[in-house]
Amino acid sequence: MTQIITKAGLPLLSEIVPDEIMQALGVIAQNWKADRWTVGFIANELRRRVDAELLPINAEDIYAWVAQGLNQEIEPRTVRYYSALEAFYAPEIRSKYSELPFSHFALAKSYGDAWERVLSLAN
């Protein structure tokens, strides 16, 4: 496993991150703007692993770690934003409206319960 030593808690996270996730972060770093859903998924998957292991790592540290792993000009708050959208939309919905840009999903989410109507109208 790759070790990334930064602020408290992150070395623990590095111990449970499989190499395939590290490799995925490297690939995303090359084209991260086109792969926001994957960034959100990775952040959410790491949160699930941390919760399952009962590790003393908070979500903000995970977002910072993912941002650092991308080696891009991406802020942890951006990772948090991608994570929230990835968690909100089921894969079937993302697939159904796959031709829509990521920003449409963000806009639709801001409409609360009317999100699917917004996506349908944009489609």
C-alpha atoms as a PDB file:
ATOM      1  CA  MET A   1       0.000   0.000   0.000  1.00  0.00           C
ATOM      2  CA  THR A   2       1.140   3.528  -0.731  1.00  0.00           C
ATOM      3  CA  GLN A   3       1.695   5.798   2.256  1.00  0.00           C
ATOM      4  CA  ILE A   4       0.789   9.469   2.079  1.00  0.00           C
ATOM      5  CA  ILE A   5       1.901  11.192   5.244  1.00  0.00           C
ATOM      6  CA  THR A   6       0.061  14.411   5.961  1.00  0.00           C
ATOM      7  CA  LYS A   7      -2.030  15.625   8.859  1.00  0.00           C
ATOM      8  CA  ALA A   8      -3.372  13.411  11.658  1.00  0.00           C
ATOM      9  CA  GLY A   9      -5.503  10.461  10.622  1.00  0.00           C
ATOM     10  CA  LEU A  10      -4.342  10.269   7.034  1.00  0.00           C
ATOM     11  CA  PRO A  11      -1.572   7.706   7.600  1.00  0.00           C
ATOM     12  CA  LEU A  12      -4.253   5.397   9.059  1.00  0.00           C
ATOM     13  CA  LEU A  13      -6.361   5.870   5.943  1.00  0.00           C
ATOM     14  CA  SER A  14      -3.380   5.068   3.727  1.00  0.00           C
ATOM     15  CA  GLU A  15      -3.032   1.725   5.510  1.00  0.00           C
ATOM     16  CA  ILE A  16      -6.466   0.520   4.403  1.00  0.00           C
ATOM     17  CA  VAL A  17      -6.483   1.912   0.867  1.00  0.00           C
ATOM     18  CA  PRO A  18      -5.912  -0.834  -1.681  1.00  0.00           C
ATOM     19  CA  ASP A  19      -3.448  -0.286  -4.518  1.00  0.00           C
ATOM     20  CA  GLU A  20      -6.269  -0.370  -7.070  1.00  0.00           C
ATOM     21  CA  ILE A  21      -7.779   2.756  -5.492  1.00  0.00           C
ATOM     22  CA  MET A  22      -4.382   4.460  -5.593  1.00  0.00           C
ATOM     23  CA  GLN A  23      -4.082   3.491  -9.260  1.00  0.00           C
ATOM     24  CA  ALA A  24      -7.602   4.782  -9.946  1.00  0.00           C
ATOM     25  CA  LEU A  25      -6.691   8.120  -8.368  1.00  0.00           C
ATOM     26  CA  GLY A  26      -3.650   8.312 -10.634  1.00  0.00           C
ATOM     27  CA  VAL A  27      -5.774   7.714 -13.736  1.00  0.00           C
ATOM     28  CA  ILE A  28      -8.366  10.253 -12.610  1.00  0.00           C
ATOM     29  CA  ALA A  29      -5.597  12.791 -12.055  1.00  0.00           C
ATOM     30  CA  GLN A  30      -4.949  12.741 -15.796  1.00  0.00           C
ATOM     31  CA  ASN A  31      -8.529  13.650 -16.659  1.00  0.00           C
ATOM     32  CA  TRP A  32     -10.328  14.464 -13.415  1.00  0.00           C
ATOM     33  CA  LYS A  33     -12.752  16.977 -14.899  1.00  0.00           C
ATOM     34  CA  ALA A  34     -14.352  14.227 -16.982  1.00  0.00           C
ATOM     35  CA  ASP A  35     -14.590  11.820 -14.080  1.00  0.00           C
ATOM     36  CA  ARG A  36     -16.302  13.650 -11.236  1.00  0.00           C
ATOM     37  CA  TRP A  37     -18.595  10.716 -10.484  1.00  0.00           C
ATOM     38  CA  THR A  38     -15.593   8.456  -9.876  1.00  0.00           C
ATOM     39  CA  VAL A  39     -13.975  10.992  -7.555  1.00  0.00           C
ATOM     40  CA  GLY A  40     -17.232  11.110  -5.566  1.00  0.00           C
ATOM     41  CA  PHE A  41     -17.484   7.333  -5.529  1.00  0.00           C
ATOM     42  CA  ILE A  42     -13.917   6.925  -4.249  1.00  0.00           C
ATOM     43  CA  ALA A  43     -14.478   9.459  -1.462  1.00  0.00           C
ATOM     44  CA  ASN A  44     -17.710   7.713  -0.474  1.00  0.00           C
ATOM     45  CA  GLU A  45     -16.098   4.276  -0.606  1.00  0.00           C
ATOM     46  CA  LEU A  46     -13.283   5.462   1.662  1.00  0.00           C
ATOM     47  CA  ARG A  47     -15.859   6.895   4.074  1.00  0.00           C
ATOM     48  CA  ARG A  48     -17.622   3.505   4.156  1.00  0.00           C
ATOM     49  CA  ARG A  49     -14.324   1.730   4.842  1.00  0.00           C
ATOM     50  CA  VAL A  50     -13.395   4.178   7.605  1.00  0.00           C
ATOM     51  CA  ASP A  51     -16.824   3.727   9.190  1.00  0.00           C
ATOM     52  CA  ALA A  52     -16.576  -0.070   8.934  1.00  0.00           C
ATOM     53  CA  GLU A  53     -13.147  -0.055  10.575  1.00  0.00           C
ATOM     54  CA  LEU A  54     -14.264   2.503  13.191  1.00  0.00           C
ATOM     55  CA  LEU A  55     -11.178   4.587  12.415  1.00  0.00           C
ATOM     56  CA  PRO A  56     -10.814   8.047  13.957  1.00  0.00           C
ATOM     57  CA  ILE A  57     -10.824   9.800  10.568  1.00  0.00           C
ATOM     58  CA  ASN A  58     -13.435  12.384   9.671  1.00  0.00           C
ATOM     59  CA  ALA A  59     -14.971  13.014   6.259  1.00  0.00           C
ATOM     60  CA  GLU A  60     -13.043  16.258   5.751  1.00  0.00           C
ATOM     61  CA  ASP A  61      -9.749  14.385   6.152  1.00  0.00           C
ATOM     62  CA  ILE A  62     -10.906  11.874   3.536  1.00  0.00           C
ATOM     63  CA  TYR A  63     -11.778  14.663   1.112  1.00  0.00           C
ATOM     64  CA  ALA A  64      -8.354  16.242   1.702  1.00  0.00           C
ATOM     65  CA  TRP A  65      -6.644  12.899   1.156  1.00  0.00           C
ATOM     66  CA  VAL A  66      -8.487  12.270  -2.137  1.00  0.00           C
ATOM     67  CA  ALA A  67      -7.698  15.817  -3.326  1.00  0.00           C
ATOM     68  CA  GLN A  68      -4.037  15.261  -2.508  1.00  0.00           C
ATOM     69  CA  GLY A  69      -4.052  11.910  -4.306  1.00  0.00           C
ATOM     70  CA  LEU A  70      -5.319  13.597  -7.457  1.00  0.00           C
ATOM     71  CA  ASN A  71      -2.297  15.921  -7.559  1.00  0.00           C
ATOM     72  CA  GLN A  72      -4.456  18.579  -9.193  1.00  0.00           C
ATOM     73  CA  GLU A  73      -5.661  22.030  -8.353  1.00  0.00           C
ATOM     74  CA  ILE A  74      -8.697  20.555  -6.627  1.00  0.00           C
ATOM     75  CA  GLU A  75      -9.810  21.547  -3.170  1.00  0.00           C
ATOM     76  CA  PRO A  76     -11.176  19.146  -0.555  1.00  0.00           C
ATOM     77  CA  ARG A  77     -14.486  21.046  -0.714  1.00  0.00           C
ATOM     78  CA  THR A  78     -14.702  20.097  -4.406  1.00  0.00           C
ATOM     79  CA  VAL A  79     -14.232  16.433  -3.509  1.00  0.00           C
ATOM     80  CA  ARG A  80     -16.976  16.863  -0.867  1.00  0.00           C
ATOM     81  CA  TYR A  81     -19.258  18.362  -3.562  1.00  0.00           C
ATOM     82  CA  TYR A  82     -18.609  15.437  -5.941  1.00  0.00           C
ATOM     83  CA  SER A  83     -19.130  13.000  -3.084  1.00  0.00           C
ATOM     84  CA  ALA A  84     -22.496  14.511  -2.174  1.00  0.00           C
ATOM     85  CA  LEU A  85     -23.760  14.320  -5.757  1.00  0.00           C
ATOM     86  CA  GLU A  86     -22.492  10.769  -6.225  1.00  0.00           C
ATOM     87  CA  ALA A  87     -24.267   9.704  -3.040  1.00  0.00           C
ATOM     88  CA  PHE A  88     -27.493  11.477  -4.031  1.00  0.00           C
ATOM     89  CA  TYR A  89     -27.937   9.910  -7.474  1.00  0.00           C
ATOM     90  CA  ALA A  90     -28.262   6.159  -7.922  1.00  0.00           C
ATOM     91  CA  PRO A  91     -26.182   4.664 -10.743  1.00  0.00           C
ATOM     92  CA  GLU A  92     -29.373   3.934 -12.709  1.00  0.00           C
ATOM     93  CA  ILE A  93     -30.302   7.624 -12.681  1.00  0.00           C
ATOM     94  CA  ARG A  94     -26.801   8.690 -13.734  1.00  0.00           C
ATOM     95  CA  SER A  95     -26.988   6.160 -16.555  1.00  0.00           C
ATOM     96  CA  LYS A  96     -30.479   7.222 -17.628  1.00  0.00           C
ATOM     97  CA  TYR A  97     -29.352  10.845 -17.960  1.00  0.00           C
ATOM     98  CA  SER A  98     -25.743  10.137 -18.914  1.00  0.00           C
ATOM     99  CA  GLU A  99     -25.772  12.627 -21.792  1.00  0.00           C
ATOM    100  CA  LEU A 100     -26.335  15.509 -19.349  1.00  0.00           C
ATOM    101  CA  PRO A 101     -23.311  17.300 -17.936  1.00  0.00           C
ATOM    102  CA  PHE A 102     -22.444  16.976 -14.275  1.00  0.00           C
ATOM    103  CA  SER A 103     -23.595  20.542 -13.643  1.00  0.00           C
ATOM    104  CA  HIS A 104     -27.171  19.599 -14.587  1.00  0.00           C
ATOM    105  CA  PHE A 105     -27.205  17.002 -11.819  1.00  0.00           C
ATOM    106  CA  ALA A 106     -26.001  19.620  -9.351  1.00  0.00           C
ATOM    107  CA  LEU A 107     -28.709  22.025 -10.452  1.00  0.00           C
ATOM    108  CA  ALA A 108     -31.414  19.346 -10.311  1.00  0.00           C
ATOM    109  CA  LYS A 109     -30.390  18.361  -6.769  1.00  0.00           C
ATOM    110  CA  SER A 110     -30.919  21.950  -5.659  1.00  0.00           C
ATOM    111  CA  TYR A 111     -34.618  21.561  -6.585  1.00  0.00           C
ATOM    112  CA  GLY A 112     -35.184  19.007  -3.813  1.00  0.00           C
ATOM    113  CA  ASP A 113     -37.937  16.506  -4.555  1.00  0.00           C
ATOM    114  CA  ALA A 114     -38.354  17.885  -8.099  1.00  0.00           C
ATOM    115  CA  TRP A 115     -34.833  16.803  -9.126  1.00  0.00           C
ATOM    116  CA  GLU A 116     -36.010  14.130 -11.574  1.00  0.00           C
ATOM    117  CA  ARG A 117     -38.379  16.515 -13.308  1.00  0.00           C
ATOM    118  CA  VAL A 118     -35.495  18.955 -13.757  1.00  0.00           C
ATOM    119  CA  LEU A 119     -33.320  16.220 -15.285  1.00  0.00           C
ATOM    120  CA  SER A 120     -36.168  15.113 -17.555  1.00  0.00           C
ATOM    121  CA  LEU A 121     -36.727  18.641 -18.827  1.00  0.00           C
ATOM    122  CA  ALA A 122     -33.013  19.075 -19.499  1.00  0.00           C
ATOM    123  CA  ASN A 123     -32.810  15.756 -21.303  1.00  0.00           C
END
